[in-house]
């Protein structure tokens, strides 16, 4: 790790780029890219781009950044940033990832999901992967301390052999379940997804012309290569549980705390509460961005690198393809042109 301060340019100066922290209580760790950069000793926002002049003016007033552009590619040419954060609407993500990569930006962050189809995701993978660009997306639970503690406990055998995973909360597909699938995968050590069985809600929803122009709610069952079956339960608050042969661990209340239960042996049918580590609050956005810096400096992959992101985008879109075909889908997904709009 060096003492270098990296120059960040933000594309899209709205909610995730600048203002989402207004929705959080006072003292809540930084969520927006601009706030996370302000909190980090290693990052400085030097430029921003948005097609809306009012957002550019508001960004300047809020953050004191004067290098503001209507054209993000012109911003990159003029400012030569070290890292570009793409915080635009989802339908623009894939084309912007490709353009930013082709502009030879050293590091990229992009809000989730990276694409509306696998054709788009394939293009993003090729552009970023061929250049070995350190890359993360806004699936921020992957960078949360409570999820890291739970993942380490699972890997260390605290709950025995993992058998099942559960995500709790109703959600839409590309905007929401990219989070749930990514977090389940992370907790389990990122084994490949083998197959997906999914339904879109309402169940009578018809995908016409291989396209949906609204991101639908969804439920799914996923088989990972390590044999773990994972599912989403469309109720409750955002929580994740991994159940093993010797107990279970649950990340409660959107990462606020951990609930550990353990059995004395595999023959025991009763899980009893056990002490779980307390986890301090922190900025997952800051951790996500600093993970990109660490990968850039050391040459290691980022925690949410483009290969992982591409694979889990494929699993997410396979939920819709499973609904369309009314059967379980084995990856890789043959239907690369299936398109699901998301904001």
C-alpha atoms as a PDB file:
ATOM      1  CA  UNK A   1       0.000   0.000   0.000  1.00  0.00           C
ATOM      2  CA  UNK A   2       1.367   3.409  -1.011  1.00  0.00           C
ATOM      3  CA  UNK A   3       0.638   6.912   0.231  1.00  0.00           C
ATOM      4  CA  UNK A   4      -0.550   8.010  -3.215  1.00  0.00           C
ATOM      5  CA  UNK A   5      -3.840   9.895  -3.429  1.00  0.00           C
ATOM      6  CA  UNK A   6      -5.792   8.647  -6.434  1.00  0.00           C
ATOM      7  CA  UNK A   7      -7.852  10.988  -8.615  1.00  0.00           C
ATOM      8  CA  UNK A   8     -11.504   9.971  -9.046  1.00  0.00           C
ATOM      9  CA  UNK A   9     -13.992  11.123 -11.678  1.00  0.00           C
ATOM     10  CA  UNK A  10     -17.703  10.387 -11.260  1.00  0.00           C
ATOM     11  CA  UNK A  11     -20.121   9.828 -14.135  1.00  0.00           C
ATOM     12  CA  UNK A  12     -23.681  10.506 -12.999  1.00  0.00           C
ATOM     13  CA  UNK A  13     -23.976  13.076 -10.236  1.00  0.00           C
ATOM     14  CA  UNK A  14     -27.272  11.982  -8.731  1.00  0.00           C
ATOM     15  CA  UNK A  15     -28.140   9.565  -5.952  1.00  0.00           C
ATOM     16  CA  UNK A  16     -25.204   7.108  -5.763  1.00  0.00           C
ATOM     17  CA  UNK A  17     -22.723   9.599  -7.079  1.00  0.00           C
ATOM     18  CA  UNK A  18     -23.589  12.342  -4.604  1.00  0.00           C
ATOM     19  CA  UNK A  19     -26.852  12.519  -2.649  1.00  0.00           C
ATOM     20  CA  UNK A  20     -27.835   9.107  -1.213  1.00  0.00           C
ATOM     21  CA  UNK A  21     -26.336  10.028   2.165  1.00  0.00           C
ATOM     22  CA  UNK A  22     -29.213  12.491   2.653  1.00  0.00           C
ATOM     23  CA  UNK A  23     -31.473   9.422   3.021  1.00  0.00           C
ATOM     24  CA  UNK A  24     -29.425   8.047   5.933  1.00  0.00           C
ATOM     25  CA  UNK A  25     -29.429   9.113   9.614  1.00  0.00           C
ATOM     26  CA  UNK A  26     -26.750  11.464  10.890  1.00  0.00           C
ATOM     27  CA  UNK A  27     -23.490   9.668  11.544  1.00  0.00           C
ATOM     28  CA  UNK A  28     -24.235   6.798   9.137  1.00  0.00           C
ATOM     29  CA  UNK A  29     -21.074   5.698   7.270  1.00  0.00           C
ATOM     30  CA  UNK A  30     -20.569   7.198   3.819  1.00  0.00           C
ATOM     31  CA  UNK A  31     -22.590   5.600   1.029  1.00  0.00           C
ATOM     32  CA  UNK A  32     -22.232   7.845  -2.032  1.00  0.00           C
ATOM     33  CA  UNK A  33     -19.057   7.741  -4.078  1.00  0.00           C
ATOM     34  CA  UNK A  34     -18.305  11.390  -3.343  1.00  0.00           C
ATOM     35  CA  UNK A  35     -18.812  10.947   0.418  1.00  0.00           C
ATOM     36  CA  UNK A  36     -16.728   7.754   0.481  1.00  0.00           C
ATOM     37  CA  UNK A  37     -13.904   9.520  -1.336  1.00  0.00           C
ATOM     38  CA  UNK A  38     -14.101  12.408   1.124  1.00  0.00           C
ATOM     39  CA  UNK A  39     -13.798   9.881   3.986  1.00  0.00           C
ATOM     40  CA  UNK A  40     -10.819   8.088   2.440  1.00  0.00           C
ATOM     41  CA  UNK A  41      -7.242   9.382   2.798  1.00  0.00           C
ATOM     42  CA  UNK A  42      -6.432   7.652  -0.492  1.00  0.00           C
ATOM     43  CA  UNK A  43      -9.107   9.120  -2.802  1.00  0.00           C
ATOM     44  CA  UNK A  44      -9.971  12.572  -4.116  1.00  0.00           C
ATOM     45  CA  UNK A  45     -12.838  13.498  -6.419  1.00  0.00           C
ATOM     46  CA  UNK A  46     -11.391  15.795  -9.077  1.00  0.00           C
ATOM     47  CA  UNK A  47     -14.122  15.801 -11.734  1.00  0.00           C
ATOM     48  CA  UNK A  48     -17.713  14.922 -12.479  1.00  0.00           C
ATOM     49  CA  UNK A  49     -19.921  14.466 -15.524  1.00  0.00           C
ATOM     50  CA  UNK A  50     -23.687  14.604 -15.960  1.00  0.00           C
ATOM     51  CA  UNK A  51     -25.931  15.571 -18.841  1.00  0.00           C
ATOM     52  CA  UNK A  52     -28.103  17.592 -16.412  1.00  0.00           C
ATOM     53  CA  UNK A  53     -26.643  21.066 -15.745  1.00  0.00           C
ATOM     54  CA  UNK A  54     -28.645  21.376 -12.520  1.00  0.00           C
ATOM     55  CA  UNK A  55     -26.970  18.253 -11.142  1.00  0.00           C
ATOM     56  CA  UNK A  56     -23.580  19.592 -12.133  1.00  0.00           C
ATOM     57  CA  UNK A  57     -24.292  22.845 -10.312  1.00  0.00           C
ATOM     58  CA  UNK A  58     -25.562  21.033  -7.225  1.00  0.00           C
ATOM     59  CA  UNK A  59     -22.502  18.790  -7.210  1.00  0.00           C
ATOM     60  CA  UNK A  60     -20.162  21.755  -7.362  1.00  0.00           C
ATOM     61  CA  UNK A  61     -22.003  23.487  -4.500  1.00  0.00           C
ATOM     62  CA  UNK A  62     -21.943  20.343  -2.375  1.00  0.00           C
ATOM     63  CA  UNK A  63     -18.426  19.040  -2.979  1.00  0.00           C
ATOM     64  CA  UNK A  64     -16.463  22.014  -4.298  1.00  0.00           C
ATOM     65  CA  UNK A  65     -15.504  20.241  -7.521  1.00  0.00           C
ATOM     66  CA  UNK A  66     -15.147  22.666 -10.432  1.00  0.00           C
ATOM     67  CA  UNK A  67     -14.068  20.341 -13.264  1.00  0.00           C
ATOM     68  CA  UNK A  68     -17.569  19.450 -14.455  1.00  0.00           C
ATOM     69  CA  UNK A  69     -18.621  18.152 -17.862  1.00  0.00           C
ATOM     70  CA  UNK A  70     -21.696  17.254 -19.868  1.00  0.00           C
ATOM     71  CA  UNK A  71     -19.701  14.630 -21.800  1.00  0.00           C
ATOM     72  CA  UNK A  72     -18.042  11.948 -19.670  1.00  0.00           C
ATOM     73  CA  UNK A  73     -15.567  10.928 -22.381  1.00  0.00           C
ATOM     74  CA  UNK A  74     -14.423  14.529 -22.719  1.00  0.00           C
ATOM     75  CA  UNK A  75     -13.970  14.572 -18.937  1.00  0.00           C
ATOM     76  CA  UNK A  76     -11.741  11.504 -19.149  1.00  0.00           C
ATOM     77  CA  UNK A  77      -9.695  12.983 -21.990  1.00  0.00           C
ATOM     78  CA  UNK A  78      -9.175  16.282 -20.180  1.00  0.00           C
ATOM     79  CA  UNK A  79      -8.755  15.105 -16.577  1.00  0.00           C
ATOM     80  CA  UNK A  80      -7.001  11.714 -16.996  1.00  0.00           C
ATOM     81  CA  UNK A  81      -8.451  10.263 -13.762  1.00  0.00           C
ATOM     82  CA  UNK A  82      -7.020   7.200 -12.033  1.00  0.00           C
ATOM     83  CA  UNK A  83     -10.460   5.782 -11.295  1.00  0.00           C
ATOM     84  CA  UNK A  84     -13.833   6.389 -12.930  1.00  0.00           C
ATOM     85  CA  UNK A  85     -17.026   5.669 -10.999  1.00  0.00           C
ATOM     86  CA  UNK A  86     -20.046   5.017 -13.239  1.00  0.00           C
ATOM     87  CA  UNK A  87     -23.198   5.960 -11.321  1.00  0.00           C
ATOM     88  CA  UNK A  88     -25.707   6.351 -14.138  1.00  0.00           C
ATOM     89  CA  UNK A  89     -28.923   4.502 -14.925  1.00  0.00           C
ATOM     90  CA  UNK A  90     -28.570   0.761 -15.384  1.00  0.00           C
ATOM     91  CA  UNK A  91     -29.370   0.781 -19.086  1.00  0.00           C
ATOM     92  CA  UNK A  92     -26.185   2.784 -19.695  1.00  0.00           C
ATOM     93  CA  UNK A  93     -23.803   0.718 -17.585  1.00  0.00           C
ATOM     94  CA  UNK A  94     -22.501  -1.770 -20.144  1.00  0.00           C
ATOM     95  CA  UNK A  95     -21.807   0.718 -22.911  1.00  0.00           C
ATOM     96  CA  UNK A  96     -20.098   3.067 -20.453  1.00  0.00           C
ATOM     97  CA  UNK A  97     -17.963   0.263 -18.988  1.00  0.00           C
ATOM     98  CA  UNK A  98     -16.756  -0.547 -22.503  1.00  0.00           C
ATOM     99  CA  UNK A  99     -16.102   3.098 -23.376  1.00  0.00           C
ATOM    100  CA  UNK A 100     -14.263   3.828 -20.123  1.00  0.00           C
ATOM    101  CA  UNK A 101     -12.136   0.706 -20.508  1.00  0.00           C
ATOM    102  CA  UNK A 102     -11.322   1.613 -24.109  1.00  0.00           C
ATOM    103  CA  UNK A 103     -10.296   5.087 -22.878  1.00  0.00           C
ATOM    104  CA  UNK A 104      -7.559   3.291 -20.879  1.00  0.00           C
ATOM    105  CA  UNK A 105      -8.758   4.379 -17.450  1.00  0.00           C
ATOM    106  CA  UNK A 106      -6.651   2.411 -14.938  1.00  0.00           C
ATOM    107  CA  UNK A 107      -9.493   1.504 -12.517  1.00  0.00           C
ATOM    108  CA  UNK A 108     -13.300   1.296 -12.788  1.00  0.00           C
ATOM    109  CA  UNK A 109     -16.236   1.201 -10.397  1.00  0.00           C
ATOM    110  CA  UNK A 110     -19.725   0.695 -11.821  1.00  0.00           C
ATOM    111  CA  UNK A 111     -23.070   0.673 -10.073  1.00  0.00           C
ATOM    112  CA  UNK A 112     -25.003  -2.577 -10.358  1.00  0.00           C
ATOM    113  CA  UNK A 113     -26.113  -4.329 -12.445  1.00  0.00           C
ATOM    114  CA  UNK A 114     -23.489  -4.147 -15.160  1.00  0.00           C
ATOM    115  CA  UNK A 115     -25.813  -5.073 -18.020  1.00  0.00           C
ATOM    116  CA  UNK A 116     -29.367  -5.698 -19.180  1.00  0.00           C
ATOM    117  CA  UNK A 117     -28.436  -8.754 -21.269  1.00  0.00           C
ATOM    118  CA  UNK A 118     -25.605 -11.228 -21.522  1.00  0.00           C
ATOM    119  CA  UNK A 119     -24.631  -9.748 -24.881  1.00  0.00           C
ATOM    120  CA  UNK A 120     -23.946  -6.510 -23.015  1.00  0.00           C
ATOM    121  CA  UNK A 121     -22.249  -8.341 -20.131  1.00  0.00           C
ATOM    122  CA  UNK A 122     -20.028 -10.244 -22.572  1.00  0.00           C
ATOM    123  CA  UNK A 123     -18.876  -6.945 -24.093  1.00  0.00           C
ATOM    124  CA  UNK A 124     -18.074  -5.532 -20.649  1.00  0.00           C
ATOM    125  CA  UNK A 125     -16.151  -8.682 -19.727  1.00  0.00           C
ATOM    126  CA  UNK A 126     -14.103  -8.499 -22.906  1.00  0.00           C
ATOM    127  CA  UNK A 127     -13.297  -4.800 -22.543  1.00  0.00           C
ATOM    128  CA  UNK A 128     -12.303  -4.940 -18.866  1.00  0.00           C
ATOM    129  CA  UNK A 129     -10.873  -8.443 -18.730  1.00  0.00           C
ATOM    130  CA  UNK A 130      -8.621  -8.073 -21.757  1.00  0.00           C
ATOM    131  CA  UNK A 131      -7.024  -5.030 -20.138  1.00  0.00           C
ATOM    132  CA  UNK A 132      -6.839  -6.507 -16.613  1.00  0.00           C
ATOM    133  CA  UNK A 133      -8.521  -3.420 -15.200  1.00  0.00           C
ATOM    134  CA  UNK A 134      -9.240  -3.566 -11.445  1.00  0.00           C
ATOM    135  CA  UNK A 135     -13.029  -3.420 -11.295  1.00  0.00           C
ATOM    136  CA  UNK A 136     -15.774  -3.563  -8.676  1.00  0.00           C
ATOM    137  CA  UNK A 137     -19.498  -2.916  -8.734  1.00  0.00           C
ATOM    138  CA  UNK A 138     -21.988  -1.575  -6.215  1.00  0.00           C
ATOM    139  CA  UNK A 139     -22.871  -4.931  -4.633  1.00  0.00           C
ATOM    140  CA  UNK A 140     -21.707  -3.447  -1.370  1.00  0.00           C
ATOM    141  CA  UNK A 141     -22.512  -6.271   1.043  1.00  0.00           C
ATOM    142  CA  UNK A 142     -19.508  -8.047  -0.461  1.00  0.00           C
ATOM    143  CA  UNK A 143     -17.421  -5.332   1.223  1.00  0.00           C
ATOM    144  CA  UNK A 144     -19.224  -5.314   4.586  1.00  0.00           C
ATOM    145  CA  UNK A 145     -17.351  -6.444   7.703  1.00  0.00           C
ATOM    146  CA  UNK A 146     -20.195  -8.578   9.018  1.00  0.00           C
ATOM    147  CA  UNK A 147     -20.300 -10.537   5.755  1.00  0.00           C
ATOM    148  CA  UNK A 148     -16.515 -10.972   5.841  1.00  0.00           C
ATOM    149  CA  UNK A 149     -16.682 -12.315   9.392  1.00  0.00           C
ATOM    150  CA  UNK A 150     -19.489 -14.714   8.431  1.00  0.00           C
ATOM    151  CA  UNK A 151     -17.640 -15.896   5.324  1.00  0.00           C
ATOM    152  CA  UNK A 152     -14.495 -16.565   7.363  1.00  0.00           C
ATOM    153  CA  UNK A 153     -16.451 -18.492  10.006  1.00  0.00           C
ATOM    154  CA  UNK A 154     -18.108 -20.614   7.308  1.00  0.00           C
ATOM    155  CA  UNK A 155     -14.735 -21.316   5.644  1.00  0.00           C
ATOM    156  CA  UNK A 156     -13.218 -22.226   9.036  1.00  0.00           C
ATOM    157  CA  UNK A 157     -15.904 -24.861   9.641  1.00  0.00           C
ATOM    158  CA  UNK A 158     -17.750 -23.081  12.460  1.00  0.00           C
ATOM    159  CA  UNK A 159     -21.081 -24.427  11.163  1.00  0.00           C
ATOM    160  CA  UNK A 160     -19.724 -27.638   9.671  1.00  0.00           C
ATOM    161  CA  UNK A 161     -20.230 -28.397   6.002  1.00  0.00           C
ATOM    162  CA  UNK A 162     -22.431 -25.754   4.305  1.00  0.00           C
ATOM    163  CA  UNK A 163     -25.648 -27.312   3.041  1.00  0.00           C
ATOM    164  CA  UNK A 164     -28.026 -24.440   2.209  1.00  0.00           C
ATOM    165  CA  UNK A 165     -28.201 -20.666   1.894  1.00  0.00           C
ATOM    166  CA  UNK A 166     -31.185 -18.361   2.260  1.00  0.00           C
ATOM    167  CA  UNK A 167     -31.753 -14.724   1.375  1.00  0.00           C
ATOM    168  CA  UNK A 168     -34.685 -13.016   3.071  1.00  0.00           C
ATOM    169  CA  UNK A 169     -36.620 -10.101   1.475  1.00  0.00           C
ATOM    170  CA  UNK A 170     -38.735  -9.562  -1.586  1.00  0.00           C
ATOM    171  CA  UNK A 171     -36.859  -7.875  -4.424  1.00  0.00           C
ATOM    172  CA  UNK A 172     -36.770  -7.126  -8.103  1.00  0.00           C
ATOM    173  CA  UNK A 173     -34.373  -9.004 -10.339  1.00  0.00           C
ATOM    174  CA  UNK A 174     -31.503  -6.946 -11.748  1.00  0.00           C
ATOM    175  CA  UNK A 175     -31.598  -4.044  -9.319  1.00  0.00           C
ATOM    176  CA  UNK A 176     -32.107  -6.180  -6.216  1.00  0.00           C
ATOM    177  CA  UNK A 177     -31.314  -9.840  -6.705  1.00  0.00           C
ATOM    178  CA  UNK A 178     -27.923  -9.073  -8.199  1.00  0.00           C
ATOM    179  CA  UNK A 179     -27.232  -8.118  -4.556  1.00  0.00           C
ATOM    180  CA  UNK A 180     -28.741 -11.269  -3.070  1.00  0.00           C
ATOM    181  CA  UNK A 181     -27.052 -13.691  -5.467  1.00  0.00           C
ATOM    182  CA  UNK A 182     -23.730 -11.906  -5.104  1.00  0.00           C
ATOM    183  CA  UNK A 183     -23.899 -11.990  -1.302  1.00  0.00           C
ATOM    184  CA  UNK A 184     -24.868 -15.663  -1.132  1.00  0.00           C
ATOM    185  CA  UNK A 185     -22.004 -16.442  -3.504  1.00  0.00           C
ATOM    186  CA  UNK A 186     -19.563 -14.383  -1.435  1.00  0.00           C
ATOM    187  CA  UNK A 187     -20.559 -16.026   1.850  1.00  0.00           C
ATOM    188  CA  UNK A 188     -19.928 -19.442   0.305  1.00  0.00           C
ATOM    189  CA  UNK A 189     -16.523 -18.517  -1.112  1.00  0.00           C
ATOM    190  CA  UNK A 190     -17.702 -17.725  -4.667  1.00  0.00           C
ATOM    191  CA  UNK A 191     -18.198 -21.251  -6.036  1.00  0.00           C
ATOM    192  CA  UNK A 192     -19.543 -21.281  -9.598  1.00  0.00           C
ATOM    193  CA  UNK A 193     -23.306 -21.370 -10.119  1.00  0.00           C
ATOM    194  CA  UNK A 194     -24.271 -24.605 -11.864  1.00  0.00           C
ATOM    195  CA  UNK A 195     -27.995 -24.142 -12.447  1.00  0.00           C
ATOM    196  CA  UNK A 196     -30.911 -21.834 -11.674  1.00  0.00           C
ATOM    197  CA  UNK A 197     -34.640 -22.368 -11.212  1.00  0.00           C
ATOM    198  CA  UNK A 198     -36.566 -19.105 -11.094  1.00  0.00           C
ATOM    199  CA  UNK A 199     -39.929 -17.414 -11.383  1.00  0.00           C
ATOM    200  CA  UNK A 200     -40.843 -13.828 -12.107  1.00  0.00           C
ATOM    201  CA  UNK A 201     -43.676 -12.218 -10.206  1.00  0.00           C
ATOM    202  CA  UNK A 202     -46.513 -12.122 -10.957  1.00  0.00           C
ATOM    203  CA  UNK A 203     -46.198 -15.698 -12.171  1.00  0.00           C
ATOM    204  CA  UNK A 204     -48.312 -15.024 -15.256  1.00  0.00           C
ATOM    205  CA  UNK A 205     -45.833 -12.399 -16.479  1.00  0.00           C
ATOM    206  CA  UNK A 206     -45.013 -13.033 -20.143  1.00  0.00           C
ATOM    207  CA  UNK A 207     -41.644 -12.133 -21.658  1.00  0.00           C
ATOM    208  CA  UNK A 208     -42.532 -10.902 -25.134  1.00  0.00           C
ATOM    209  CA  UNK A 209     -39.944 -10.692 -27.916  1.00  0.00           C
ATOM    210  CA  UNK A 210     -37.224 -11.826 -25.496  1.00  0.00           C
ATOM    211  CA  UNK A 211     -37.482  -8.540 -23.594  1.00  0.00           C
ATOM    212  CA  UNK A 212     -38.966  -6.935 -20.489  1.00  0.00           C
ATOM    213  CA  UNK A 213     -39.098  -3.160 -20.210  1.00  0.00           C
ATOM    214  CA  UNK A 214     -39.561  -3.196 -16.430  1.00  0.00           C
ATOM    215  CA  UNK A 215     -37.384  -4.937 -13.863  1.00  0.00           C
ATOM    216  CA  UNK A 216     -39.684  -7.634 -12.371  1.00  0.00           C
ATOM    217  CA  UNK A 217     -39.782  -9.066  -8.875  1.00  0.00           C
ATOM    218  CA  UNK A 218     -38.459 -12.613  -8.739  1.00  0.00           C
ATOM    219  CA  UNK A 219     -37.763 -15.698  -6.647  1.00  0.00           C
ATOM    220  CA  UNK A 220     -35.157 -18.385  -7.294  1.00  0.00           C
ATOM    221  CA  UNK A 221     -33.362 -21.558  -6.301  1.00  0.00           C
ATOM    222  CA  UNK A 222     -29.673 -21.837  -7.182  1.00  0.00           C
ATOM    223  CA  UNK A 223     -27.312 -24.821  -7.166  1.00  0.00           C
ATOM    224  CA  UNK A 224     -23.653 -23.982  -6.559  1.00  0.00           C
ATOM    225  CA  UNK A 225     -20.777 -26.183  -7.671  1.00  0.00           C
ATOM    226  CA  UNK A 226     -19.957 -27.075  -4.050  1.00  0.00           C
ATOM    227  CA  UNK A 227     -23.388 -28.698  -3.735  1.00  0.00           C
ATOM    228  CA  UNK A 228     -24.996 -25.924  -1.696  1.00  0.00           C
ATOM    229  CA  UNK A 229     -28.599 -25.113  -2.592  1.00  0.00           C
ATOM    230  CA  UNK A 230     -29.572 -21.474  -2.106  1.00  0.00           C
ATOM    231  CA  UNK A 231     -32.926 -19.752  -2.317  1.00  0.00           C
ATOM    232  CA  UNK A 232     -34.627 -16.432  -1.729  1.00  0.00           C
ATOM    233  CA  UNK A 233     -37.608 -16.081   0.605  1.00  0.00           C
ATOM    234  CA  UNK A 234     -39.703 -13.083  -0.487  1.00  0.00           C
ATOM    235  CA  UNK A 235     -40.352 -11.662   2.978  1.00  0.00           C
ATOM    236  CA  UNK A 236     -38.679  -9.948   5.904  1.00  0.00           C
ATOM    237  CA  UNK A 237     -35.826  -7.502   5.968  1.00  0.00           C
ATOM    238  CA  UNK A 238     -32.546  -8.032   4.098  1.00  0.00           C
ATOM    239  CA  UNK A 239     -30.837 -10.932   5.864  1.00  0.00           C
ATOM    240  CA  UNK A 240     -28.713 -13.896   4.798  1.00  0.00           C
ATOM    241  CA  UNK A 241     -28.329 -17.304   6.417  1.00  0.00           C
ATOM    242  CA  UNK A 242     -26.026 -20.206   5.661  1.00  0.00           C
ATOM    243  CA  UNK A 243     -27.029 -23.528   7.236  1.00  0.00           C
ATOM    244  CA  UNK A 244     -24.407 -26.197   7.766  1.00  0.00           C
ATOM    245  CA  UNK A 245     -24.120 -29.688   9.197  1.00  0.00           C
ATOM    246  CA  UNK A 246     -23.183 -28.309  12.632  1.00  0.00           C
ATOM    247  CA  UNK A 247     -25.116 -25.082  12.849  1.00  0.00           C
ATOM    248  CA  UNK A 248     -26.052 -21.872  11.064  1.00  0.00           C
ATOM    249  CA  UNK A 249     -24.924 -18.287  10.818  1.00  0.00           C
ATOM    250  CA  UNK A 250     -27.239 -15.428   9.928  1.00  0.00           C
ATOM    251  CA  UNK A 251     -26.289 -11.884   8.974  1.00  0.00           C
ATOM    252  CA  UNK A 252     -29.144  -9.909  10.506  1.00  0.00           C
ATOM    253  CA  UNK A 253     -30.794  -6.568   9.769  1.00  0.00           C
ATOM    254  CA  UNK A 254     -28.864  -5.730   6.622  1.00  0.00           C
ATOM    255  CA  UNK A 255     -25.486  -6.450   8.192  1.00  0.00           C
ATOM    256  CA  UNK A 256     -25.982  -4.937  11.639  1.00  0.00           C
ATOM    257  CA  UNK A 257     -25.197  -8.126  13.558  1.00  0.00           C
ATOM    258  CA  UNK A 258     -24.505 -11.863  13.391  1.00  0.00           C
ATOM    259  CA  UNK A 259     -26.565 -14.697  14.862  1.00  0.00           C
ATOM    260  CA  UNK A 260     -24.672 -17.958  15.319  1.00  0.00           C
ATOM    261  CA  UNK A 261     -26.247 -21.289  16.294  1.00  0.00           C
ATOM    262  CA  UNK A 262     -24.317 -24.509  16.794  1.00  0.00           C
ATOM    263  CA  UNK A 263     -24.903 -28.199  17.528  1.00  0.00           C
ATOM    264  CA  UNK A 264     -22.599 -30.419  19.546  1.00  0.00           C
ATOM    265  CA  UNK A 265     -22.327 -32.939  16.720  1.00  0.00           C
ATOM    266  CA  UNK A 266     -23.908 -33.881  13.393  1.00  0.00           C
ATOM    267  CA  UNK A 267     -26.189 -36.286  15.271  1.00  0.00           C
ATOM    268  CA  UNK A 268     -27.669 -33.378  17.240  1.00  0.00           C
ATOM    269  CA  UNK A 269     -30.923 -32.092  15.771  1.00  0.00           C
ATOM    270  CA  UNK A 270     -30.958 -28.985  17.954  1.00  0.00           C
ATOM    271  CA  UNK A 271     -29.031 -25.810  17.198  1.00  0.00           C
ATOM    272  CA  UNK A 272     -28.312 -23.654  20.250  1.00  0.00           C
ATOM    273  CA  UNK A 273     -27.372 -19.982  20.295  1.00  0.00           C
ATOM    274  CA  UNK A 274     -23.619 -19.408  20.448  1.00  0.00           C
ATOM    275  CA  UNK A 275     -21.522 -16.249  20.894  1.00  0.00           C
ATOM    276  CA  UNK A 276     -20.935 -14.354  17.656  1.00  0.00           C
ATOM    277  CA  UNK A 277     -18.440 -11.531  17.085  1.00  0.00           C
ATOM    278  CA  UNK A 278     -19.696  -7.945  17.233  1.00  0.00           C
ATOM    279  CA  UNK A 279     -19.020  -5.952  14.073  1.00  0.00           C
ATOM    280  CA  UNK A 280     -18.419  -2.204  13.905  1.00  0.00           C
ATOM    281  CA  UNK A 281     -20.206  -0.081  11.317  1.00  0.00           C
ATOM    282  CA  UNK A 282     -18.111   1.256   8.458  1.00  0.00           C
ATOM    283  CA  UNK A 283     -18.450   2.552   4.899  1.00  0.00           C
ATOM    284  CA  UNK A 284     -18.815  -0.372   2.535  1.00  0.00           C
ATOM    285  CA  UNK A 285     -18.497   2.039  -0.391  1.00  0.00           C
ATOM    286  CA  UNK A 286     -15.139   3.230   0.889  1.00  0.00           C
ATOM    287  CA  UNK A 287     -14.018  -0.390   1.362  1.00  0.00           C
ATOM    288  CA  UNK A 288     -15.162  -1.230  -2.162  1.00  0.00           C
ATOM    289  CA  UNK A 289     -13.212   1.642  -3.707  1.00  0.00           C
ATOM    290  CA  UNK A 290     -10.104   1.001  -1.603  1.00  0.00           C
ATOM    291  CA  UNK A 291     -10.219  -2.672  -2.617  1.00  0.00           C
ATOM    292  CA  UNK A 292      -9.844  -1.480  -6.215  1.00  0.00           C
ATOM    293  CA  UNK A 293      -6.805   0.581  -5.191  1.00  0.00           C
ATOM    294  CA  UNK A 294      -5.248  -2.362  -3.352  1.00  0.00           C
ATOM    295  CA  UNK A 295      -5.758  -4.598  -6.383  1.00  0.00           C
ATOM    296  CA  UNK A 296      -4.184  -1.942  -8.614  1.00  0.00           C
ATOM    297  CA  UNK A 297      -1.152  -1.656  -6.336  1.00  0.00           C
ATOM    298  CA  UNK A 298      -0.607  -5.373  -5.697  1.00  0.00           C
ATOM    299  CA  UNK A 299      -1.818  -7.001  -8.906  1.00  0.00           C
ATOM    300  CA  UNK A 300      -4.316  -9.253  -7.093  1.00  0.00           C
ATOM    301  CA  UNK A 301      -7.930  -9.563  -8.306  1.00  0.00           C
ATOM    302  CA  UNK A 302     -10.537  -7.301  -6.771  1.00  0.00           C
ATOM    303  CA  UNK A 303     -13.123  -8.933  -4.508  1.00  0.00           C
ATOM    304  CA  UNK A 304     -15.829  -8.327  -7.098  1.00  0.00           C
ATOM    305  CA  UNK A 305     -13.755  -8.589 -10.267  1.00  0.00           C
ATOM    306  CA  UNK A 306     -15.283  -8.548 -13.731  1.00  0.00           C
ATOM    307  CA  UNK A 307     -15.224 -12.355 -14.030  1.00  0.00           C
ATOM    308  CA  UNK A 308     -17.238 -12.837 -10.820  1.00  0.00           C
ATOM    309  CA  UNK A 309     -19.569  -9.976 -11.742  1.00  0.00           C
ATOM    310  CA  UNK A 310     -20.154 -11.385 -15.229  1.00  0.00           C
ATOM    311  CA  UNK A 311     -20.898 -14.864 -13.872  1.00  0.00           C
ATOM    312  CA  UNK A 312     -23.405 -13.652 -11.281  1.00  0.00           C
ATOM    313  CA  UNK A 313     -25.084 -11.393 -13.844  1.00  0.00           C
ATOM    314  CA  UNK A 314     -25.538 -14.556 -15.906  1.00  0.00           C
ATOM    315  CA  UNK A 315     -27.093 -16.339 -12.925  1.00  0.00           C
ATOM    316  CA  UNK A 316     -29.428 -13.399 -12.401  1.00  0.00           C
ATOM    317  CA  UNK A 317     -30.595 -13.347 -16.013  1.00  0.00           C
ATOM    318  CA  UNK A 318     -30.989 -17.123 -15.872  1.00  0.00           C
ATOM    319  CA  UNK A 319     -33.792 -16.549 -13.353  1.00  0.00           C
ATOM    320  CA  UNK A 320     -35.747 -14.778 -16.089  1.00  0.00           C
ATOM    321  CA  UNK A 321     -34.832 -17.395 -18.670  1.00  0.00           C
ATOM    322  CA  UNK A 322     -36.024 -20.125 -16.300  1.00  0.00           C
ATOM    323  CA  UNK A 323     -39.347 -18.303 -15.978  1.00  0.00           C
ATOM    324  CA  UNK A 324     -39.558 -17.943 -19.762  1.00  0.00           C
ATOM    325  CA  UNK A 325     -38.882 -21.630 -20.430  1.00  0.00           C
ATOM    326  CA  UNK A 326     -40.588 -22.929 -17.277  1.00  0.00           C
ATOM    327  CA  UNK A 327     -37.636 -25.165 -16.418  1.00  0.00           C
ATOM    328  CA  UNK A 328     -34.298 -25.226 -14.603  1.00  0.00           C
ATOM    329  CA  UNK A 329     -31.514 -23.555 -16.572  1.00  0.00           C
ATOM    330  CA  UNK A 330     -27.954 -24.881 -16.604  1.00  0.00           C
ATOM    331  CA  UNK A 331     -25.204 -22.304 -17.093  1.00  0.00           C
ATOM    332  CA  UNK A 332     -23.782 -21.007 -19.339  1.00  0.00           C
ATOM    333  CA  UNK A 333     -26.932 -19.263 -20.525  1.00  0.00           C
ATOM    334  CA  UNK A 334     -27.609 -19.976 -24.190  1.00  0.00           C
ATOM    335  CA  UNK A 335     -29.986 -17.031 -24.630  1.00  0.00           C
ATOM    336  CA  UNK A 336     -27.472 -14.156 -24.674  1.00  0.00           C
ATOM    337  CA  UNK A 337     -29.967 -11.612 -26.048  1.00  0.00           C
ATOM    338  CA  UNK A 338     -32.620 -11.858 -23.311  1.00  0.00           C
ATOM    339  CA  UNK A 339     -33.033  -8.236 -22.188  1.00  0.00           C
ATOM    340  CA  UNK A 340     -34.301  -6.996 -18.838  1.00  0.00           C
ATOM    341  CA  UNK A 341     -34.526  -3.218 -18.450  1.00  0.00           C
ATOM    342  CA  UNK A 342     -33.433  -1.784 -15.117  1.00  0.00           C
ATOM    343  CA  UNK A 343     -32.989   1.714 -13.793  1.00  0.00           C
END
